[in-house]
Amino acid sequence: MPCASTSASAIRSDLSSRVTRRHRTPQTPRSKKPACPDGPRRPSELKRALPEASERVLAQQLSELMEYGVVEKQVIDPVCKHSEYSLTDLGRTLIPIIEQMRTWGNDFRPTLQQILQKKEA
């Protein structure tokens, strides 16, 4: 937690770097395309889009993304626990950045795999 004398811009900078770093770690499931850039998704749809993610990890990640203002949750029917997640305006600004990171990763995948193989040997 930042101290009280930390400037607001430093806090925002730290937050953005933590969000980016935290949500693109090796443990983070990867999919071919973002899970909900084109509209709301139910938790079950997100789970199908990210089959390697456990429900617990998915729920934790969604909760953190809601805290950061990247994703919002709308409860459709509280009795049935029907809810949907969608990107906020802030979240939609991240799509081009994520697409660029994906392109970079795909372009340099062979090089990165060689580095990792050497490191493991």
Protein backbone atom coordinates (compact mmCIF):
# COMPACT_ATOMS: atom_id res chain seq x y z
CA MET A 1 0.00 0.00 0.00
CA PRO A 2 1.47 3.39 -0.96
CA CYS A 3 2.23 5.89 1.79
CA ALA A 4 0.11 9.03 2.17
CA SER A 5 2.79 11.29 0.67
CA THR A 6 2.85 9.36 -2.62
CA SER A 7 1.59 11.49 -5.52
CA ALA A 8 -1.59 10.54 -7.35
CA SER A 9 0.27 10.07 -10.64
CA ALA A 10 2.74 7.69 -8.99
CA ILE A 11 -0.17 5.68 -7.59
CA ARG A 12 -1.86 5.51 -11.02
CA SER A 13 1.42 4.51 -12.65
CA ASP A 14 2.03 1.81 -10.05
CA LEU A 15 -1.55 0.56 -10.38
CA SER A 16 -1.38 0.33 -14.17
CA SER A 17 1.91 -1.56 -14.07
CA ARG A 18 0.56 -3.94 -11.42
CA VAL A 19 -2.63 -4.58 -13.42
CA THR A 20 -0.65 -5.30 -16.59
CA ARG A 21 1.96 -7.44 -14.84
CA ARG A 22 -0.47 -9.29 -12.62
CA HIS A 23 -2.90 -10.23 -15.36
CA ARG A 24 -0.28 -11.43 -17.86
CA THR A 25 1.77 -13.77 -15.73
CA PRO A 26 2.73 -17.27 -16.95
CA GLN A 27 -0.09 -18.73 -14.83
CA THR A 28 -2.70 -16.55 -16.57
CA PRO A 29 -4.70 -18.56 -19.08
CA ARG A 30 -4.27 -17.47 -22.67
CA SER A 31 -6.93 -17.60 -25.35
CA LYS A 32 -6.99 -16.83 -29.05
CA LYS A 33 -8.99 -13.62 -28.49
CA PRO A 34 -10.04 -11.51 -25.48
CA ALA A 35 -12.89 -13.08 -23.54
CA CYS A 36 -15.44 -10.24 -23.73
CA PRO A 37 -14.42 -7.39 -26.03
CA ASP A 38 -17.62 -7.54 -28.06
CA GLY A 39 -20.25 -7.68 -25.34
CA PRO A 40 -21.28 -9.07 -21.95
CA ARG A 41 -20.42 -12.66 -21.06
CA ARG A 42 -21.84 -14.97 -18.43
CA PRO A 43 -19.30 -16.64 -16.13
CA SER A 44 -19.94 -20.00 -17.85
CA GLU A 45 -19.08 -18.45 -21.24
CA LEU A 46 -15.84 -17.06 -19.85
CA LYS A 47 -15.02 -20.47 -18.38
CA ARG A 48 -15.55 -22.12 -21.80
CA ALA A 49 -13.34 -19.46 -23.43
CA LEU A 50 -10.61 -20.17 -20.85
CA PRO A 51 -10.87 -23.91 -20.14
CA GLU A 52 -7.46 -24.13 -18.47
CA ALA A 53 -8.53 -21.63 -15.78
CA SER A 54 -10.09 -22.98 -12.62
CA GLU A 55 -13.36 -21.39 -11.52
CA ARG A 56 -11.62 -20.05 -8.44
CA VAL A 57 -8.85 -18.35 -10.43
CA LEU A 58 -11.36 -16.95 -12.92
CA ALA A 59 -13.52 -15.52 -10.11
CA GLN A 60 -10.46 -14.02 -8.41
CA GLN A 61 -9.21 -12.42 -11.65
CA LEU A 62 -12.67 -10.99 -12.44
CA SER A 63 -12.93 -9.60 -8.92
CA GLU A 64 -9.56 -7.88 -9.23
CA LEU A 65 -10.41 -6.51 -12.68
CA MET A 66 -13.65 -5.08 -11.22
CA GLU A 67 -11.62 -3.41 -8.45
CA TYR A 68 -9.40 -1.79 -11.11
CA GLY A 69 -12.43 -0.61 -13.08
CA VAL A 70 -11.57 -2.73 -16.14
CA VAL A 71 -14.59 -5.05 -15.92
CA GLU A 72 -18.09 -4.52 -14.57
CA LYS A 73 -20.59 -7.07 -13.33
CA GLN A 74 -24.31 -6.80 -13.92
CA VAL A 75 -26.61 -9.03 -11.89
CA ILE A 76 -29.50 -10.00 -14.19
CA ASP A 77 -31.44 -12.26 -11.81
CA PRO A 78 -30.30 -12.44 -8.18
CA VAL A 79 -32.51 -15.47 -7.47
CA CYS A 80 -30.86 -17.59 -10.19
CA LYS A 81 -27.50 -15.89 -9.65
CA HIS A 82 -27.51 -14.92 -13.34
CA SER A 83 -24.84 -12.29 -13.91
CA GLU A 84 -22.80 -10.97 -16.83
CA TYR A 85 -19.38 -9.38 -17.07
CA SER A 86 -18.41 -6.75 -19.61
CA LEU A 87 -15.53 -4.42 -20.26
CA THR A 88 -15.82 -0.85 -19.03
CA ASP A 89 -14.73 2.08 -21.18
CA LEU A 90 -11.37 1.82 -19.41
CA GLY A 91 -11.21 -1.91 -20.17
CA ARG A 92 -11.90 -1.34 -23.85
CA THR A 93 -8.88 0.99 -24.04
CA LEU A 94 -6.71 -2.03 -23.17
CA ILE A 95 -7.79 -4.11 -26.20
CA PRO A 96 -5.26 -2.56 -28.65
CA ILE A 97 -2.48 -2.96 -26.08
CA ILE A 98 -3.33 -6.62 -25.48
CA GLU A 99 -3.53 -7.22 -29.24
CA GLN A 100 -0.05 -5.68 -29.66
CA MET A 101 1.31 -7.87 -26.84
CA ARG A 102 -0.22 -10.95 -28.50
CA THR A 103 1.31 -10.03 -31.87
CA TRP A 104 4.71 -9.44 -30.26
CA GLY A 105 4.51 -12.78 -28.43
CA ASN A 106 3.56 -14.63 -31.60
CA ASP A 107 6.30 -12.92 -33.63
CA PHE A 108 9.00 -13.76 -31.10
CA ARG A 109 7.66 -17.10 -29.83
CA PRO A 110 10.49 -19.21 -31.41
CA THR A 111 13.15 -16.91 -29.95
CA LEU A 112 11.55 -16.91 -26.51
CA GLN A 113 11.15 -20.70 -26.56
CA GLN A 114 14.87 -21.08 -27.36
CA ILE A 115 15.76 -18.78 -24.47
CA LEU A 116 13.55 -20.74 -22.09
CA GLN A 117 14.95 -24.08 -23.27
CA LYS A 118 18.53 -22.86 -22.68
CA LYS A 119 17.55 -21.57 -19.26
CA GLU A 120 16.00 -24.93 -18.28
CA ALA A 121 18.98 -26.96 -19.53
